[in-house]
Amino acid sequence: MKLFRSICLGEYSLLKRGRFTAATNPMSGTRFAESLEDAYKWGELMAYDPAFIIVEIEIPNEIADDFFRIEWLDNVGPARYAEIPQLVDAIIIGFQNVDWL
């Protein structure tokens, strides 16, 4: 399954190492959009400064199906929440700067 996440430039510098790490907030995981378009919408809602990047991952369906799923989050679309240990098998496919949209 492919999933997408809009990230700030600081998170991008961490992900360039090839793995997800826990943020400094109380949540020990991260949310993903199920479509590129929804990830872009969430990036705009977050109002990252100066810009944001979208990361695309691929993860086995049987693992992604265990993620907590919300059918309609923030009036945008479906989202999945994964704890960091659940992302061990995630393959980071690439990063997209939103300027191309």
N, C-alpha and C. Protein backbone atom coordinates (compact mmCIF):
# COMPACT_ATOMS: atom_id res chain seq x y z
N MET A 1 0.85 -1.17 0.00
CA MET A 1 0.00 0.00 0.00
C MET A 1 0.89 1.24 0.00
N LYS A 2 0.51 2.22 -0.79
CA LYS A 2 1.21 3.50 -0.78
C LYS A 2 0.46 4.47 0.11
N LEU A 3 1.21 5.21 0.93
CA LEU A 3 0.65 6.23 1.80
C LEU A 3 1.50 7.48 1.65
N PHE A 4 0.93 8.63 2.03
CA PHE A 4 1.58 9.91 1.82
C PHE A 4 1.50 10.76 3.09
N ARG A 5 2.52 11.58 3.30
CA ARG A 5 2.54 12.46 4.47
C ARG A 5 3.18 13.79 4.08
N SER A 6 2.52 14.88 4.46
CA SER A 6 3.15 16.19 4.28
C SER A 6 4.01 16.46 5.51
N ILE A 7 5.21 16.92 5.25
CA ILE A 7 6.18 17.13 6.34
C ILE A 7 6.83 18.49 6.19
N CYS A 8 7.30 19.02 7.31
CA CYS A 8 8.05 20.27 7.29
C CYS A 8 9.49 19.97 6.89
N LEU A 9 10.23 21.00 6.61
CA LEU A 9 11.61 20.81 6.18
C LEU A 9 12.47 20.15 7.26
N GLY A 10 12.17 20.40 8.54
CA GLY A 10 12.92 19.77 9.62
C GLY A 10 12.72 18.26 9.66
N GLU A 11 11.48 17.83 9.47
CA GLU A 11 11.21 16.39 9.45
C GLU A 11 11.84 15.76 8.21
N TYR A 12 11.87 16.50 7.12
CA TYR A 12 12.50 16.00 5.89
C TYR A 12 13.97 15.69 6.12
N SER A 13 14.67 16.55 6.84
CA SER A 13 16.09 16.30 7.08
C SER A 13 16.29 15.02 7.89
N LEU A 14 15.36 14.69 8.78
CA LEU A 14 15.44 13.44 9.54
C LEU A 14 15.12 12.24 8.66
N LEU A 15 14.13 12.37 7.80
CA LEU A 15 13.72 11.24 6.97
C LEU A 15 14.72 10.92 5.88
N LYS A 16 15.56 11.87 5.51
CA LYS A 16 16.57 11.59 4.49
C LYS A 16 17.49 10.47 4.94
N ARG A 17 17.51 10.19 6.24
CA ARG A 17 18.31 9.08 6.77
C ARG A 17 17.65 7.74 6.47
N GLY A 18 16.40 7.78 6.01
CA GLY A 18 15.75 6.55 5.58
C GLY A 18 14.83 5.89 6.57
N ARG A 19 14.53 6.55 7.70
CA ARG A 19 13.62 5.92 8.65
C ARG A 19 12.86 6.97 9.42
N PHE A 20 11.72 6.54 9.96
CA PHE A 20 10.89 7.42 10.77
C PHE A 20 11.37 7.38 12.20
N THR A 21 11.30 8.53 12.87
CA THR A 21 11.63 8.60 14.29
C THR A 21 10.50 9.33 15.00
N ALA A 22 10.40 9.11 16.28
CA ALA A 22 9.36 9.76 17.06
C ALA A 22 9.64 11.25 17.18
N ALA A 23 8.57 12.02 17.12
CA ALA A 23 8.69 13.46 17.29
C ALA A 23 8.80 13.79 18.78
N THR A 24 9.02 15.05 19.07
CA THR A 24 9.16 15.46 20.46
C THR A 24 7.82 15.74 21.12
N ASN A 25 6.72 15.51 20.42
CA ASN A 25 5.40 15.72 21.02
C ASN A 25 4.93 14.43 21.69
N PRO A 26 3.80 14.47 22.38
CA PRO A 26 3.34 13.28 23.11
C PRO A 26 2.95 12.11 22.22
N MET A 27 2.65 12.35 20.95
CA MET A 27 2.29 11.26 20.06
C MET A 27 3.54 10.48 19.68
N SER A 28 3.45 9.19 19.70
CA SER A 28 4.62 8.38 19.35
C SER A 28 4.49 7.77 17.97
N GLY A 29 3.72 8.42 17.13
CA GLY A 29 3.52 7.92 15.78
C GLY A 29 3.27 9.07 14.82
N THR A 30 2.68 8.73 13.69
CA THR A 30 2.46 9.73 12.66
C THR A 30 1.24 9.38 11.83
N ARG A 31 0.64 10.38 11.22
CA ARG A 31 -0.53 10.18 10.36
C ARG A 31 -0.13 10.21 8.90
N PHE A 32 -0.86 9.42 8.11
CA PHE A 32 -0.63 9.36 6.67
C PHE A 32 -1.95 9.54 5.93
N ALA A 33 -1.88 10.21 4.81
CA ALA A 33 -3.02 10.29 3.90
C ALA A 33 -2.98 9.08 2.98
N GLU A 34 -4.13 8.70 2.49
CA GLU A 34 -4.20 7.59 1.56
C GLU A 34 -4.04 8.05 0.11
N SER A 35 -4.01 9.36 -0.11
CA SER A 35 -3.81 9.86 -1.47
C SER A 35 -2.86 11.07 -1.45
N LEU A 36 -2.19 11.26 -2.55
CA LEU A 36 -1.29 12.40 -2.70
C LEU A 36 -2.05 13.72 -2.56
N GLU A 37 -3.23 13.77 -3.15
CA GLU A 37 -4.03 14.99 -3.10
C GLU A 37 -4.39 15.38 -1.68
N ASP A 38 -4.77 14.37 -0.86
CA ASP A 38 -5.11 14.66 0.53
C ASP A 38 -3.89 15.09 1.34
N ALA A 39 -2.74 14.49 1.06
CA ALA A 39 -1.50 14.90 1.76
C ALA A 39 -1.20 16.36 1.45
N TYR A 40 -1.42 16.77 0.22
CA TYR A 40 -1.22 18.17 -0.16
C TYR A 40 -2.16 19.08 0.62
N LYS A 41 -3.44 18.68 0.74
CA LYS A 41 -4.43 19.48 1.48
C LYS A 41 -4.01 19.62 2.94
N TRP A 42 -3.54 18.52 3.55
CA TRP A 42 -3.10 18.60 4.95
C TRP A 42 -1.87 19.49 5.09
N GLY A 43 -0.97 19.44 4.13
CA GLY A 43 0.18 20.32 4.15
C GLY A 43 -0.22 21.78 4.14
N GLU A 44 -1.23 22.11 3.34
CA GLU A 44 -1.72 23.48 3.31
C GLU A 44 -2.38 23.86 4.63
N LEU A 45 -3.12 22.94 5.24
CA LEU A 45 -3.77 23.21 6.53
C LEU A 45 -2.74 23.45 7.64
N MET A 46 -1.62 22.75 7.58
CA MET A 46 -0.60 22.89 8.61
C MET A 46 0.17 24.20 8.49
N ALA A 47 0.11 24.82 7.33
CA ALA A 47 0.77 26.11 7.08
C ALA A 47 2.24 26.07 7.48
N TYR A 48 2.94 25.05 6.98
CA TYR A 48 4.37 24.96 7.24
C TYR A 48 5.08 26.18 6.65
N ASP A 49 6.11 26.63 7.33
CA ASP A 49 6.85 27.79 6.86
C ASP A 49 8.31 27.40 6.70
N PRO A 50 8.93 27.59 5.55
CA PRO A 50 8.38 28.28 4.38
C PRO A 50 7.64 27.36 3.42
N ALA A 51 7.80 26.07 3.54
CA ALA A 51 7.16 25.16 2.59
C ALA A 51 7.03 23.79 3.22
N PHE A 52 6.46 22.88 2.47
CA PHE A 52 6.40 21.50 2.93
C PHE A 52 6.72 20.56 1.78
N ILE A 53 7.00 19.35 2.15
CA ILE A 53 7.37 18.30 1.21
C ILE A 53 6.44 17.13 1.49
N ILE A 54 6.13 16.38 0.47
CA ILE A 54 5.31 15.18 0.67
C ILE A 54 6.20 13.96 0.52
N VAL A 55 6.13 13.09 1.52
CA VAL A 55 6.88 11.83 1.46
C VAL A 55 5.90 10.73 1.09
N GLU A 56 6.34 9.86 0.21
CA GLU A 56 5.54 8.72 -0.22
C GLU A 56 6.21 7.45 0.31
N ILE A 57 5.42 6.60 0.96
CA ILE A 57 5.97 5.35 1.47
C ILE A 57 5.18 4.19 0.89
N GLU A 58 5.79 3.04 0.94
CA GLU A 58 5.09 1.81 0.59
C GLU A 58 5.27 0.86 1.76
N ILE A 59 4.19 0.23 2.14
CA ILE A 59 4.21 -0.68 3.29
C ILE A 59 3.30 -1.87 2.96
N PRO A 60 3.64 -3.06 3.41
CA PRO A 60 2.78 -4.21 3.13
C PRO A 60 1.35 -3.99 3.61
N ASN A 61 0.39 -4.42 2.81
CA ASN A 61 -1.03 -4.22 3.15
C ASN A 61 -1.39 -4.79 4.52
N GLU A 62 -0.84 -5.96 4.84
CA GLU A 62 -1.21 -6.58 6.12
C GLU A 62 -0.74 -5.74 7.31
N ILE A 63 0.30 -4.95 7.14
CA ILE A 63 0.75 -4.05 8.20
C ILE A 63 -0.09 -2.78 8.20
N ALA A 64 -0.30 -2.20 7.02
CA ALA A 64 -1.10 -0.97 6.91
C ALA A 64 -2.52 -1.19 7.40
N ASP A 65 -3.04 -2.39 7.22
CA ASP A 65 -4.40 -2.69 7.69
C ASP A 65 -4.50 -2.67 9.21
N ASP A 66 -3.37 -2.78 9.90
CA ASP A 66 -3.37 -2.70 11.36
C ASP A 66 -3.26 -1.26 11.88
N PHE A 67 -2.98 -0.31 11.00
CA PHE A 67 -2.92 1.09 11.42
C PHE A 67 -4.32 1.55 11.81
N PHE A 68 -4.38 2.47 12.76
CA PHE A 68 -5.66 3.08 13.12
C PHE A 68 -6.13 3.93 11.94
N ARG A 69 -7.34 3.70 11.47
CA ARG A 69 -7.83 4.41 10.28
C ARG A 69 -9.05 5.25 10.63
N ILE A 70 -9.04 6.47 10.14
CA ILE A 70 -10.18 7.39 10.28
C ILE A 70 -10.70 7.64 8.87
N GLU A 71 -11.98 7.44 8.68
CA GLU A 71 -12.58 7.58 7.35
C GLU A 71 -12.56 9.02 6.84
N TRP A 72 -12.70 9.98 7.73
CA TRP A 72 -12.81 11.38 7.30
C TRP A 72 -12.17 12.26 8.38
N LEU A 73 -10.94 12.70 8.15
CA LEU A 73 -10.21 13.51 9.14
C LEU A 73 -10.07 14.94 8.65
N ASP A 74 -10.38 15.89 9.51
CA ASP A 74 -10.21 17.32 9.23
C ASP A 74 -10.93 17.78 7.96
N ASN A 75 -12.03 17.13 7.63
CA ASN A 75 -12.78 17.47 6.41
C ASN A 75 -11.93 17.35 5.15
N VAL A 76 -10.95 16.46 5.18
CA VAL A 76 -10.07 16.26 4.02
C VAL A 76 -10.29 14.88 3.41
N GLY A 77 -10.14 13.84 4.19
CA GLY A 77 -10.28 12.49 3.65
C GLY A 77 -9.80 11.45 4.63
N PRO A 78 -9.66 10.21 4.17
CA PRO A 78 -9.22 9.14 5.06
C PRO A 78 -7.77 9.29 5.47
N ALA A 79 -7.48 8.87 6.70
CA ALA A 79 -6.11 8.95 7.22
C ALA A 79 -5.83 7.71 8.04
N ARG A 80 -4.56 7.38 8.11
CA ARG A 80 -4.11 6.25 8.94
C ARG A 80 -3.05 6.76 9.90
N TYR A 81 -3.13 6.23 11.12
CA TYR A 81 -2.16 6.59 12.15
C TYR A 81 -1.34 5.34 12.47
N ALA A 82 -0.01 5.51 12.44
CA ALA A 82 0.89 4.39 12.74
C ALA A 82 1.84 4.77 13.85
N GLU A 83 2.07 3.84 14.76
CA GLU A 83 3.11 4.01 15.76
C GLU A 83 4.46 3.78 15.08
N ILE A 84 5.50 4.40 15.58
CA ILE A 84 6.83 4.30 14.95
C ILE A 84 7.27 2.84 14.76
N PRO A 85 7.10 1.95 15.75
CA PRO A 85 7.52 0.56 15.52
C PRO A 85 6.79 -0.12 14.35
N GLN A 86 5.58 0.32 14.03
CA GLN A 86 4.84 -0.25 12.92
C GLN A 86 5.44 0.15 11.56
N LEU A 87 6.31 1.14 11.55
CA LEU A 87 6.87 1.66 10.30
C LEU A 87 8.23 1.06 9.95
N VAL A 88 8.65 0.04 10.70
CA VAL A 88 9.95 -0.58 10.46
C VAL A 88 10.06 -1.11 9.03
N ASP A 89 8.98 -1.67 8.49
CA ASP A 89 9.01 -2.24 7.15
C ASP A 89 8.62 -1.24 6.06
N ALA A 90 8.41 0.02 6.44
CA ALA A 90 8.05 1.03 5.45
C ALA A 90 9.23 1.35 4.55
N ILE A 91 8.96 1.41 3.28
CA ILE A 91 9.98 1.80 2.31
C ILE A 91 9.66 3.21 1.85
N ILE A 92 10.59 4.12 2.06
CA ILE A 92 10.40 5.49 1.60
C ILE A 92 10.68 5.51 0.10
N ILE A 93 9.64 5.75 -0.68
CA ILE A 93 9.75 5.74 -2.13
C ILE A 93 10.39 7.03 -2.62
N GLY A 94 9.98 8.14 -2.03
CA GLY A 94 10.55 9.40 -2.48
C GLY A 94 9.89 10.59 -1.82
N PHE A 95 10.41 11.74 -2.18
CA PHE A 95 9.95 13.01 -1.65
C PHE A 95 9.53 13.89 -2.82
N GLN A 96 8.49 14.66 -2.61
CA GLN A 96 8.03 15.58 -3.65
C GLN A 96 7.86 16.96 -3.05
N ASN A 97 8.52 17.91 -3.66
CA ASN A 97 8.32 19.29 -3.27
C ASN A 97 6.97 19.72 -3.84
N VAL A 98 6.20 20.46 -3.08
CA VAL A 98 4.85 20.79 -3.52
C VAL A 98 4.84 21.80 -4.66
N ASP A 99 5.97 22.37 -5.04
CA ASP A 99 5.99 23.32 -6.13
C ASP A 99 5.53 22.71 -7.45
N TRP A 100 5.62 21.39 -7.57
CA TRP A 100 5.26 20.75 -8.83
C TRP A 100 3.76 20.69 -9.01
N LEU A 101 2.97 20.84 -7.93
CA LEU A 101 1.50 20.72 -8.03
C LEU A 101 0.87 21.96 -8.62
